[in-house]
Structure formats: structure tokens, C-alpha cells
Amino acid sequence: MYEEGYPTLDATLAQLKETRPKQVTLIPLLLVCGNHTKEDIVGVWKPEMEKVGYQANVRMQGLGEQPAIRKLYMEHIEALLK
């Protein structure tokens, strides 16, 4: 299976095996929650985690939907324009 980014699914499963939680929440660290979230997180990560016994939830919300993140972006843009 091709994976990009870090941590990988295998690395994450290894870490979870050490702590053995009953459920996990997958949160995309993406500005916009779209196809990447649907295809990779919902389509691959969630089923793989459920296959090994975790209850997996996915937060279908991009970082750009968070008011604090939008404010931070605006502050950076304003600083660049000065």
C-alpha cells in the first residue's frame, strides 16, 4: 500500500498496540477536509483500525473550519501585507 506523510498507518498501529485504547478518533491535519480525507482516512485508515479491533471515529472537519486557525491565517496575511 502506498502511503505519504507521517506517521504511517503501520507506525500508528504499532503505537496504538502499546497503549491499547478501545477507540480512536482520526483527525485530518488538513486545511480543507475533502477527497484526501474520504479516500485515505475514511477509506483506508478507519477500516484498517477497525479490522484490528479499534472503534474508529473520523472528524470530518478541516483545520480551516476552526475559527482560531482562520484567525491565525488572517493575522499572518495582514502581517505580510504590511
N, C-alpha and C. Protein backbone atom coordinates (compact mmCIF):
# COMPACT_ATOMS: atom_id res chain seq x y z
N MET A 1 0.85 -1.17 0.00
CA MET A 1 0.00 0.00 0.00
C MET A 1 0.89 1.24 0.00
N TYR A 2 0.59 2.21 -0.86
CA TYR A 2 1.35 3.45 -0.94
C TYR A 2 0.85 4.42 0.12
N GLU A 3 1.78 4.98 0.86
CA GLU A 3 1.42 5.99 1.87
C GLU A 3 2.36 7.16 1.73
N GLU A 4 1.83 8.33 1.92
CA GLU A 4 2.65 9.51 2.00
C GLU A 4 2.42 10.14 3.35
N GLY A 5 3.36 10.92 3.80
CA GLY A 5 3.20 11.61 5.06
C GLY A 5 3.67 10.79 6.25
N TYR A 6 3.56 11.39 7.38
CA TYR A 6 3.99 10.78 8.62
C TYR A 6 3.00 11.15 9.71
N PRO A 7 2.67 10.32 10.60
CA PRO A 7 3.13 8.94 10.70
C PRO A 7 2.40 8.04 9.71
N THR A 8 3.01 6.93 9.42
CA THR A 8 2.38 5.96 8.53
C THR A 8 1.32 5.17 9.32
N LEU A 9 0.47 4.50 8.60
CA LEU A 9 -0.54 3.66 9.24
C LEU A 9 0.12 2.59 10.10
N ASP A 10 1.15 1.95 9.57
CA ASP A 10 1.84 0.89 10.33
C ASP A 10 2.46 1.44 11.62
N ALA A 11 3.08 2.61 11.53
CA ALA A 11 3.69 3.22 12.72
C ALA A 11 2.62 3.57 13.75
N THR A 12 1.49 4.07 13.28
CA THR A 12 0.39 4.43 14.18
C THR A 12 -0.19 3.19 14.85
N LEU A 13 -0.39 2.14 14.08
CA LEU A 13 -0.92 0.89 14.66
C LEU A 13 0.05 0.33 15.70
N ALA A 14 1.35 0.44 15.45
CA ALA A 14 2.35 -0.04 16.42
C ALA A 14 2.26 0.77 17.72
N GLN A 15 2.10 2.08 17.61
CA GLN A 15 1.97 2.92 18.80
C GLN A 15 0.68 2.58 19.55
N LEU A 16 -0.40 2.39 18.83
CA LEU A 16 -1.67 2.06 19.48
C LEU A 16 -1.59 0.71 20.19
N LYS A 17 -0.83 -0.20 19.62
CA LYS A 17 -0.70 -1.53 20.22
C LYS A 17 -0.08 -1.44 21.61
N GLU A 18 0.78 -0.45 21.81
CA GLU A 18 1.43 -0.27 23.11
C GLU A 18 0.45 0.24 24.18
N THR A 19 -0.45 1.14 23.78
CA THR A 19 -1.36 1.73 24.76
C THR A 19 -2.73 1.07 24.81
N ARG A 20 -3.09 0.35 23.76
CA ARG A 20 -4.34 -0.42 23.68
C ARG A 20 -5.62 0.37 24.01
N PRO A 21 -5.87 1.48 23.34
CA PRO A 21 -7.14 2.18 23.57
C PRO A 21 -8.29 1.37 22.96
N LYS A 22 -9.49 1.59 23.44
CA LYS A 22 -10.65 0.90 22.87
C LYS A 22 -11.15 1.63 21.62
N GLN A 23 -10.96 2.95 21.61
CA GLN A 23 -11.40 3.70 20.44
C GLN A 23 -10.38 4.78 20.10
N VAL A 24 -10.39 5.18 18.84
CA VAL A 24 -9.50 6.23 18.36
C VAL A 24 -10.33 7.21 17.52
N THR A 25 -9.91 8.46 17.51
CA THR A 25 -10.54 9.47 16.66
C THR A 25 -9.48 9.96 15.69
N LEU A 26 -9.76 9.82 14.42
CA LEU A 26 -8.85 10.25 13.37
C LEU A 26 -9.22 11.68 12.98
N ILE A 27 -8.25 12.58 13.10
CA ILE A 27 -8.49 14.00 12.82
C ILE A 27 -7.52 14.42 11.72
N PRO A 28 -8.04 14.80 10.56
CA PRO A 28 -7.16 15.20 9.47
C PRO A 28 -6.50 16.54 9.76
N LEU A 29 -5.18 16.60 9.64
CA LEU A 29 -4.47 17.86 9.81
C LEU A 29 -4.32 18.51 8.44
N LEU A 30 -5.44 18.81 7.86
CA LEU A 30 -5.52 19.42 6.53
C LEU A 30 -6.34 20.69 6.64
N LEU A 31 -6.02 21.68 5.84
CA LEU A 31 -6.76 22.92 5.88
C LEU A 31 -8.21 22.70 5.44
N VAL A 32 -8.39 21.88 4.41
CA VAL A 32 -9.72 21.58 3.88
C VAL A 32 -9.94 20.08 3.95
N CYS A 33 -11.07 19.68 4.46
CA CYS A 33 -11.42 18.27 4.56
C CYS A 33 -12.14 17.88 3.27
N GLY A 34 -11.50 17.07 2.43
CA GLY A 34 -12.09 16.71 1.15
C GLY A 34 -11.77 15.28 0.76
N ASN A 35 -11.44 15.09 -0.52
CA ASN A 35 -11.20 13.75 -1.05
C ASN A 35 -10.07 13.02 -0.33
N HIS A 36 -9.02 13.73 0.03
CA HIS A 36 -7.91 13.08 0.73
C HIS A 36 -8.40 12.44 2.03
N THR A 37 -9.26 13.16 2.73
CA THR A 37 -9.81 12.63 3.98
C THR A 37 -10.71 11.43 3.68
N LYS A 38 -11.58 11.57 2.69
CA LYS A 38 -12.51 10.49 2.36
C LYS A 38 -11.78 9.24 1.87
N GLU A 39 -10.81 9.43 0.97
CA GLU A 39 -10.13 8.28 0.38
C GLU A 39 -9.13 7.63 1.33
N ASP A 40 -8.33 8.44 2.01
CA ASP A 40 -7.26 7.88 2.83
C ASP A 40 -7.69 7.60 4.27
N ILE A 41 -8.28 8.58 4.92
CA ILE A 41 -8.62 8.40 6.33
C ILE A 41 -9.86 7.53 6.49
N VAL A 42 -10.94 7.87 5.79
CA VAL A 42 -12.17 7.09 5.90
C VAL A 42 -12.05 5.79 5.11
N GLY A 43 -11.40 5.84 3.96
CA GLY A 43 -11.33 4.68 3.08
C GLY A 43 -10.27 3.66 3.42
N VAL A 44 -9.20 4.08 4.10
CA VAL A 44 -8.09 3.16 4.40
C VAL A 44 -7.84 3.05 5.91
N TRP A 45 -7.51 4.17 6.54
CA TRP A 45 -7.13 4.14 7.95
C TRP A 45 -8.25 3.59 8.84
N LYS A 46 -9.44 4.12 8.70
CA LYS A 46 -10.56 3.69 9.56
C LYS A 46 -10.83 2.19 9.44
N PRO A 47 -10.98 1.64 8.21
CA PRO A 47 -11.22 0.20 8.12
C PRO A 47 -10.07 -0.66 8.65
N GLU A 48 -8.84 -0.20 8.43
CA GLU A 48 -7.68 -0.96 8.94
C GLU A 48 -7.67 -0.98 10.46
N MET A 49 -8.02 0.13 11.07
CA MET A 49 -8.06 0.18 12.53
C MET A 49 -9.20 -0.67 13.07
N GLU A 50 -10.34 -0.63 12.40
CA GLU A 50 -11.47 -1.46 12.83
C GLU A 50 -11.16 -2.95 12.64
N LYS A 51 -10.40 -3.27 11.61
CA LYS A 51 -10.04 -4.66 11.35
C LYS A 51 -9.22 -5.27 12.50
N VAL A 52 -8.42 -4.43 13.17
CA VAL A 52 -7.62 -4.94 14.28
C VAL A 52 -8.28 -4.69 15.64
N GLY A 53 -9.56 -4.23 15.62
CA GLY A 53 -10.32 -4.20 16.86
C GLY A 53 -10.59 -2.85 17.51
N TYR A 54 -10.15 -1.76 16.90
CA TYR A 54 -10.43 -0.45 17.48
C TYR A 54 -11.75 0.10 16.97
N GLN A 55 -12.45 0.83 17.82
CA GLN A 55 -13.60 1.60 17.36
C GLN A 55 -13.00 2.89 16.82
N ALA A 56 -13.14 3.12 15.52
CA ALA A 56 -12.51 4.28 14.89
C ALA A 56 -13.56 5.31 14.47
N ASN A 57 -13.35 6.53 14.91
CA ASN A 57 -14.20 7.65 14.54
C ASN A 57 -13.36 8.61 13.69
N VAL A 58 -14.01 9.33 12.80
CA VAL A 58 -13.30 10.30 11.96
C VAL A 58 -13.97 11.65 12.14
N ARG A 59 -13.16 12.66 12.42
CA ARG A 59 -13.69 14.03 12.48
C ARG A 59 -13.57 14.61 11.09
N MET A 60 -14.70 14.73 10.43
CA MET A 60 -14.74 15.24 9.05
C MET A 60 -14.78 16.76 9.06
N GLN A 61 -13.67 17.34 9.48
CA GLN A 61 -13.58 18.79 9.58
C GLN A 61 -12.14 19.20 9.33
N GLY A 62 -11.95 20.11 8.38
CA GLY A 62 -10.62 20.62 8.11
C GLY A 62 -10.22 21.69 9.11
N LEU A 63 -8.93 21.94 9.22
CA LEU A 63 -8.45 22.97 10.13
C LEU A 63 -9.01 24.34 9.78
N GLY A 64 -9.25 24.58 8.50
CA GLY A 64 -9.79 25.87 8.07
C GLY A 64 -11.19 26.15 8.59
N GLU A 65 -11.85 25.14 9.12
CA GLU A 65 -13.18 25.33 9.70
C GLU A 65 -13.11 25.79 11.16
N GLN A 66 -11.91 25.79 11.71
CA GLN A 66 -11.71 26.22 13.09
C GLN A 66 -11.49 27.73 13.14
N PRO A 67 -12.31 28.47 13.89
CA PRO A 67 -12.16 29.92 13.96
C PRO A 67 -10.74 30.36 14.37
N ALA A 68 -10.13 29.67 15.30
CA ALA A 68 -8.78 30.06 15.75
C ALA A 68 -7.75 29.91 14.64
N ILE A 69 -7.90 28.89 13.82
CA ILE A 69 -6.97 28.70 12.70
C ILE A 69 -7.19 29.77 11.64
N ARG A 70 -8.44 30.07 11.34
CA ARG A 70 -8.74 31.14 10.37
C ARG A 70 -8.18 32.47 10.85
N LYS A 71 -8.31 32.76 12.13
CA LYS A 71 -7.79 34.00 12.71
C LYS A 71 -6.27 34.04 12.55
N LEU A 72 -5.61 32.94 12.83
CA LEU A 72 -4.16 32.86 12.69
C LEU A 72 -3.73 33.13 11.25
N TYR A 73 -4.42 32.54 10.30
CA TYR A 73 -4.13 32.77 8.88
C TYR A 73 -4.29 34.25 8.53
N MET A 74 -5.37 34.85 9.00
CA MET A 74 -5.63 36.26 8.71
C MET A 74 -4.54 37.15 9.31
N GLU A 75 -4.12 36.84 10.52
CA GLU A 75 -3.05 37.62 11.15
C GLU A 75 -1.75 37.53 10.34
N HIS A 76 -1.45 36.35 9.85
CA HIS A 76 -0.23 36.18 9.04
C HIS A 76 -0.35 36.92 7.71
N ILE A 77 -1.51 36.87 7.10
CA ILE A 77 -1.72 37.57 5.83
C ILE A 77 -1.60 39.09 6.03
N GLU A 78 -2.23 39.58 7.09
CA GLU A 78 -2.15 41.01 7.39
C GLU A 78 -0.72 41.45 7.64
N ALA A 79 0.06 40.63 8.34
CA ALA A 79 1.47 40.95 8.61
C ALA A 79 2.28 40.97 7.32
N LEU A 80 1.98 40.07 6.41
CA LEU A 80 2.69 40.04 5.12
C LEU A 80 2.37 41.25 4.26
N LEU A 81 1.15 41.75 4.37
CA LEU A 81 0.72 42.89 3.56
C LEU A 81 1.27 44.22 4.07
N LYS A 82 1.77 44.24 5.29
CA LYS A 82 2.30 45.50 5.86
C LYS A 82 3.68 45.79 5.36
